[in-house]
Amino acid sequence: MRALPLVLLLVLASLPLAPASGAMDLEVQVGGETAHGLLALPQGGPQAIVAILHGYGHKAESHRGHLEHLAAQGYVAFAMDYRGEGFPLRAGADDTIAATQHVMSLFPEVDVVVLYSVSMGTAVAGMVLAELPVFSYWVDNEGLADLPELHTEASLLAPANAFAAKAIADMEAECGGAPALAPACYLERSAAFRAGEFSGLHGVVLTHGVNDGLVPYDQGREMQAALHLAGIPSDFYTVVRSAPGGEGTTITGYSPSGGMGLAGHGTENDDAHALTSLSFALLDQVLAGVLVPSGQERVADAELGTLS
């Protein structure tokens, strides 16, 4: 099936979300500890189950509106906080696996389970997809697919950038050191190195901004290449320009030139950002059966629309 035009996608994404009172607390036991998240339920029988994996510095609360939006469309939707702070990737995967199994047990009649991940959540997604083969589709937004590479890139910025320095410290706390000292840990948490283990996955939608200053654009392409080698069809959306002043965190923003109007890394609970709005609109399409990934290349631009 063909995807809807970008203009219509952005109109759909701009529709108001459901009232923010519908999501409820979700707790599951993981290794003798309590993992917390949020769960939103539809009024009638659910058509699918959706798990959302948040990024660095966020919690499930960042996606309350998205969860309630999905529930209003007839889907069970949940997101976990991840036990721990910083880069709790292993805990995030364990929490999400336990929550997915729990939610599936509540709705055994539902056989469509879809994963959405953003930024650091992609590192969590790689472990979840490899270790729990129940997901039919995956929508991945500005995803961290190669953790060793990100560590190297952040190291270049760290001397002059406190955010990058903290990210390095958090990555090393998760793995017990730098990639050279703990390569297995970093590779386990790199989705691009685990695509061959994603059994049962029918297709993937990838979105990435060309000027991403937190998770560079090449990581999306690396994920796409890994999926291709694994025989998993994926559609790739390159987002070029965003609304003026709404570029997000950009590579060029580290220089005097600023964002230059080119799409950078969005804040995942900011639906005004081009990447956030587009990726959730595409998730809606996947869930509705309108979009079935088939290896398409698309370029999204704030002024020109979608070029294919």
Protein backbone atom coordinates (compact mmCIF):
# COMPACT_ATOMS: atom_id res chain seq x y z
CA MET A 1 0.00 0.00 0.00
CA ARG A 2 1.15 3.56 -0.70
CA ALA A 3 1.87 5.98 2.11
CA LEU A 4 -0.24 9.10 2.50
CA PRO A 5 1.27 12.40 1.30
CA LEU A 6 3.34 14.32 3.86
CA VAL A 7 0.84 17.21 3.89
CA LEU A 8 -1.96 14.88 4.99
CA LEU A 9 0.35 13.16 7.47
CA LEU A 10 1.17 16.47 9.13
CA VAL A 11 -2.52 17.41 9.24
CA LEU A 12 -3.29 14.13 10.97
CA ALA A 13 -0.40 14.66 13.39
CA SER A 14 -1.67 18.14 14.28
CA LEU A 15 -5.06 16.86 15.47
CA PRO A 16 -5.51 17.33 19.23
CA LEU A 17 -4.62 14.39 21.41
CA ALA A 18 -7.15 12.76 23.72
CA PRO A 19 -7.54 14.27 27.22
CA ALA A 20 -4.51 13.49 29.38
CA SER A 21 -6.49 11.68 32.08
CA GLY A 22 -6.75 8.28 30.42
CA ALA A 23 -3.31 6.80 31.03
CA MET A 24 -2.91 4.85 34.26
CA ASP A 25 0.04 3.56 36.23
CA LEU A 26 1.50 0.24 35.11
CA GLU A 27 3.71 -1.84 37.39
CA VAL A 28 5.41 -5.16 36.66
CA GLN A 29 7.92 -7.20 38.62
CA VAL A 30 11.36 -7.61 37.08
CA GLY A 31 14.06 -9.53 38.94
CA GLY A 32 12.44 -8.86 42.31
CA GLU A 33 12.09 -5.12 41.62
CA THR A 34 9.08 -3.08 40.58
CA ALA A 35 9.24 -1.46 37.15
CA HIS A 36 6.88 1.46 36.56
CA GLY A 37 5.26 2.79 33.43
CA LEU A 38 2.02 4.12 31.96
CA LEU A 39 -0.77 2.19 30.26
CA ALA A 40 -3.68 3.54 28.19
CA LEU A 41 -6.66 1.36 27.27
CA PRO A 42 -9.29 1.79 24.55
CA GLN A 43 -12.97 1.83 25.37
CA GLY A 44 -13.75 -1.25 23.28
CA GLY A 45 -11.85 -4.35 22.27
CA PRO A 46 -8.27 -3.47 21.27
CA GLN A 47 -7.09 -3.83 17.69
CA ALA A 48 -3.37 -3.93 18.53
CA ILE A 49 -0.84 -3.45 21.31
CA VAL A 50 1.73 -0.65 21.03
CA ALA A 51 4.89 -0.30 23.13
CA ILE A 52 6.70 3.07 23.16
CA LEU A 53 10.39 3.24 24.10
CA HIS A 54 11.48 6.70 25.24
CA GLY A 55 14.85 8.37 24.84
CA TYR A 56 17.61 9.85 26.98
CA GLY A 57 16.43 12.12 29.77
CA HIS A 58 12.79 11.15 29.36
CA LYS A 59 10.29 8.88 31.12
CA ALA A 60 6.98 7.31 30.18
CA GLU A 61 5.29 10.58 31.17
CA SER A 62 6.81 12.24 28.09
CA HIS A 63 4.50 10.06 26.00
CA ARG A 64 1.30 10.29 28.03
CA GLY A 65 -0.41 12.22 25.26
CA HIS A 66 0.75 9.75 22.61
CA LEU A 67 -0.46 6.79 24.66
CA GLU A 68 -3.89 8.37 25.09
CA HIS A 69 -4.03 9.28 21.42
CA LEU A 70 -3.39 5.64 20.52
CA ALA A 71 -5.96 4.39 23.03
CA ALA A 72 -8.54 6.75 21.52
CA GLN A 73 -7.96 5.01 18.18
CA GLY A 74 -8.61 1.57 19.66
CA TYR A 75 -5.15 0.38 20.68
CA VAL A 76 -3.63 -0.71 23.99
CA ALA A 77 -0.55 1.46 24.46
CA PHE A 78 2.12 1.52 27.14
CA ALA A 79 5.56 2.92 27.94
CA MET A 80 7.99 2.06 30.72
CA ASP A 81 10.19 4.44 32.72
CA TYR A 82 13.23 2.08 32.76
CA ARG A 83 14.63 1.36 36.21
CA GLY A 84 17.72 3.45 36.92
CA GLU A 85 19.05 6.73 35.56
CA GLY A 86 21.27 7.83 32.70
CA PHE A 87 21.57 5.08 30.06
CA PRO A 88 19.67 2.18 31.73
CA LEU A 89 19.45 0.24 28.47
CA ARG A 90 19.49 -3.30 29.86
CA ALA A 91 16.94 -2.41 32.52
CA GLY A 92 14.81 -0.68 29.90
CA ALA A 93 14.77 -3.80 27.75
CA ASP A 94 14.00 -6.09 30.68
CA ASP A 95 11.20 -3.78 31.85
CA THR A 96 9.70 -3.54 28.37
CA ILE A 97 9.88 -7.29 27.79
CA ALA A 98 8.14 -7.98 31.12
CA ALA A 99 5.49 -5.32 30.44
CA THR A 100 4.85 -6.60 26.91
CA GLN A 101 4.34 -10.13 28.18
CA HIS A 102 2.04 -8.85 30.93
CA VAL A 103 -0.08 -6.74 28.59
CA MET A 104 -0.29 -9.56 26.04
CA SER A 105 -1.54 -11.88 28.79
CA LEU A 106 -4.35 -9.40 29.51
CA PHE A 107 -5.40 -9.37 25.85
CA PRO A 108 -4.59 -12.83 24.47
CA GLU A 109 -6.92 -12.27 21.51
CA VAL A 110 -4.69 -9.49 20.13
CA ASP A 111 -2.05 -10.77 17.72
CA VAL A 112 -0.65 -7.49 16.38
CA VAL A 113 2.07 -5.94 18.55
CA VAL A 114 3.91 -2.85 17.31
CA LEU A 115 7.02 -1.15 18.69
CA TYR A 116 7.81 2.57 18.53
CA SER A 117 11.23 3.82 19.63
CA VAL A 118 12.96 7.18 19.68
CA SER A 119 16.63 8.12 20.10
CA MET A 120 18.14 6.13 23.02
CA GLY A 121 15.01 3.98 22.95
CA THR A 122 16.36 2.35 19.78
CA ALA A 123 19.24 0.85 21.78
CA VAL A 124 16.58 -0.64 24.06
CA ALA A 125 14.52 -1.74 21.05
CA GLY A 126 17.37 -3.79 19.61
CA MET A 127 17.45 -6.00 22.71
CA VAL A 128 13.67 -6.21 22.96
CA LEU A 129 13.25 -7.24 19.31
CA ALA A 130 16.07 -9.79 19.52
CA GLU A 131 14.86 -11.35 22.77
CA LEU A 132 11.06 -11.20 22.42
CA PRO A 133 9.99 -12.11 18.86
CA VAL A 134 6.35 -11.00 19.11
CA PHE A 135 6.45 -7.68 17.25
CA SER A 136 4.94 -7.34 13.77
CA TYR A 137 6.16 -3.84 12.94
CA TRP A 138 8.63 -1.29 14.27
CA VAL A 139 8.60 2.49 13.82
CA ASP A 140 11.97 4.00 14.73
CA ASN A 141 12.55 7.74 15.02
CA GLU A 142 16.04 9.34 15.02
CA GLY A 143 17.33 6.10 16.48
CA LEU A 144 20.58 5.33 18.28
CA ALA A 145 21.58 2.18 16.39
CA ASP A 146 25.35 2.07 17.07
CA LEU A 147 26.35 2.74 20.67
CA PRO A 148 30.16 2.51 20.19
CA GLU A 149 29.97 5.11 17.43
CA LEU A 150 27.90 7.46 19.58
CA HIS A 151 30.44 7.13 22.39
CA THR A 152 33.19 8.17 19.97
CA GLU A 153 31.19 11.11 18.62
CA ALA A 154 30.27 12.33 22.10
CA SER A 155 33.93 12.09 23.11
CA LEU A 156 34.80 14.67 20.46
CA LEU A 157 32.29 17.13 21.90
CA ALA A 158 32.77 16.36 25.60
CA PRO A 159 35.66 18.79 26.31
CA ALA A 160 33.41 21.74 25.45
CA ASN A 161 29.94 20.27 25.94
CA ALA A 162 28.60 19.25 29.35
CA PHE A 163 25.69 17.29 27.85
CA ALA A 164 28.06 15.12 25.80
CA ALA A 165 30.32 14.60 28.81
CA LYS A 166 27.38 13.41 30.90
CA ALA A 167 26.21 11.09 28.14
CA ILE A 168 29.67 9.48 28.02
CA ALA A 169 29.68 9.02 31.79
CA ASP A 170 26.21 7.44 31.66
CA MET A 171 27.16 5.08 28.82
CA GLU A 172 30.29 3.99 30.66
CA ALA A 173 28.33 3.50 33.88
CA GLU A 174 25.94 1.21 31.98
CA CYS A 175 28.72 -0.90 30.48
CA GLY A 176 31.46 -0.60 33.08
CA GLY A 177 33.80 1.38 30.87
CA ALA A 178 34.46 2.59 27.34
CA PRO A 179 33.80 0.41 24.25
CA ALA A 180 37.41 -0.78 24.16
CA LEU A 181 37.03 -2.17 27.68
CA ALA A 182 33.51 -3.60 27.34
CA PRO A 183 32.86 -4.27 23.65
CA ALA A 184 30.26 -7.01 24.22
CA CYS A 185 28.11 -4.68 26.32
CA TYR A 186 28.13 -1.96 23.67
CA LEU A 187 27.37 -4.37 20.84
CA GLU A 188 24.50 -5.97 22.75
CA ARG A 189 22.98 -2.49 23.03
CA SER A 190 23.47 -1.62 19.35
CA ALA A 191 20.37 -2.44 17.31
CA ALA A 192 22.28 -2.31 14.01
CA PHE A 193 24.40 -5.25 15.13
CA ARG A 194 21.38 -7.34 16.14
CA ALA A 195 19.06 -7.05 13.15
CA GLY A 196 19.73 -10.67 12.19
CA GLU A 197 18.03 -11.69 15.44
CA PHE A 198 14.77 -9.82 14.73
CA SER A 199 12.66 -12.86 13.87
CA GLY A 200 8.98 -12.35 13.10
CA LEU A 201 9.34 -8.66 12.24
CA HIS A 202 7.37 -7.90 9.05
CA GLY A 203 8.65 -4.40 8.40
CA VAL A 204 10.19 -1.22 9.77
CA VAL A 205 9.70 2.51 9.23
CA LEU A 206 12.77 4.68 9.90
CA THR A 207 12.78 8.48 10.18
CA HIS A 208 15.85 10.69 10.64
CA GLY A 209 16.78 14.35 10.23
CA VAL A 210 19.76 15.29 8.08
CA ASN A 211 21.11 17.74 10.67
CA ASP A 212 20.66 15.63 13.81
CA GLY A 213 23.11 16.87 16.42
CA LEU A 214 22.54 14.13 19.02
CA VAL A 215 22.21 10.92 16.98
CA PRO A 216 23.80 11.65 13.59
CA TYR A 217 21.91 10.80 10.40
CA ASP A 218 24.35 8.03 9.46
CA GLN A 219 23.04 5.91 12.35
CA GLY A 220 19.65 5.71 10.65
CA ARG A 221 21.33 4.60 7.43
CA GLU A 222 23.35 2.01 9.31
CA MET A 223 20.14 0.61 10.78
CA GLN A 224 18.56 0.53 7.34
CA ALA A 225 21.54 -1.38 5.91
CA ALA A 226 21.45 -3.90 8.75
CA LEU A 227 17.73 -4.52 8.21
CA HIS A 228 18.34 -4.99 4.48
CA LEU A 229 21.03 -7.60 5.15
CA ALA A 230 18.61 -9.36 7.52
CA GLY A 231 15.94 -9.46 4.83
CA ILE A 232 13.55 -7.16 6.72
CA PRO A 233 11.83 -4.54 4.52
CA SER A 234 12.12 -0.95 5.71
CA ASP A 235 10.94 2.44 4.50
CA PHE A 236 13.33 5.32 5.17
CA TYR A 237 12.15 8.93 5.57
CA THR A 238 14.87 11.56 5.37
CA VAL A 239 13.62 14.84 6.89
CA VAL A 240 15.47 17.78 5.31
CA ARG A 241 13.99 21.10 6.37
CA SER A 242 11.79 21.86 9.35
CA ALA A 243 9.82 24.94 10.36
CA PRO A 244 12.06 27.99 10.96
CA GLY A 245 13.28 28.04 14.53
CA GLY A 246 12.05 24.49 15.10
CA GLU A 247 15.09 22.54 13.91
CA GLY A 248 15.81 20.93 17.31
CA THR A 249 19.38 19.98 18.25
CA THR A 250 21.54 20.22 15.14
CA ILE A 251 25.12 19.45 14.13
CA THR A 252 25.49 22.92 12.66
CA GLY A 253 24.14 24.35 15.91
CA TYR A 254 27.53 23.63 17.48
CA SER A 255 28.95 26.31 15.17
CA PRO A 256 28.08 29.99 14.64
CA SER A 257 25.97 29.03 11.60
CA GLY A 258 23.14 27.72 13.82
CA GLY A 259 20.45 25.29 12.69
CA MET A 260 20.27 26.61 9.10
CA GLY A 261 16.64 25.49 8.87
CA LEU A 262 17.68 21.85 8.53
CA ALA A 263 15.91 19.25 10.65
CA GLY A 264 17.81 18.18 13.74
CA HIS A 265 17.01 15.99 16.76
CA GLY A 266 13.54 16.64 18.10
CA THR A 267 12.25 16.63 21.65
CA GLU A 268 10.14 13.50 21.72
CA ASN A 269 7.15 15.05 23.48
CA ASP A 270 7.14 18.10 21.19
CA ASP A 271 4.61 17.31 18.47
CA ALA A 272 5.48 20.53 16.67
CA HIS A 273 8.86 19.11 15.67
CA ALA A 274 8.99 17.62 12.18
CA LEU A 275 10.46 14.26 13.26
CA THR A 276 8.10 13.72 16.17
CA SER A 277 4.95 14.61 14.24
CA LEU A 278 5.94 12.63 11.16
CA SER A 279 6.99 9.47 13.01
CA PHE A 280 3.78 9.29 15.04
CA ALA A 281 1.70 9.96 11.93
CA LEU A 282 3.50 7.07 10.25
CA LEU A 283 2.84 4.90 13.31
CA ASP A 284 -0.87 5.68 12.89
CA GLN A 285 -0.62 4.55 9.26
CA VAL A 286 1.13 1.30 10.13
CA LEU A 287 -1.46 0.48 12.77
CA ALA A 288 -4.31 1.25 10.39
CA GLY A 289 -2.82 -1.02 7.73
CA VAL A 290 -2.40 1.89 5.31
CA LEU A 291 1.39 1.68 5.33
CA VAL A 292 3.21 -1.62 4.85
CA PRO A 293 7.00 -1.11 4.67
CA SER A 294 8.37 -2.28 1.35
CA GLY A 295 11.81 -0.71 0.91
CA GLN A 296 10.72 2.80 -0.07
CA GLU A 297 12.97 5.87 0.08
CA ARG A 298 11.23 9.15 0.87
CA VAL A 299 12.44 12.69 1.48
CA ALA A 300 10.27 14.90 3.68
CA ASP A 301 10.65 18.66 3.55
CA ALA A 302 8.73 21.38 5.37
CA GLU A 303 8.22 23.34 2.13
CA LEU A 304 8.29 20.75 -0.64
CA GLY A 305 6.34 17.94 1.04
CA THR A 306 7.35 14.34 0.36
CA LEU A 307 9.55 13.45 -2.62
CA SER A 308 9.84 9.80 -3.59
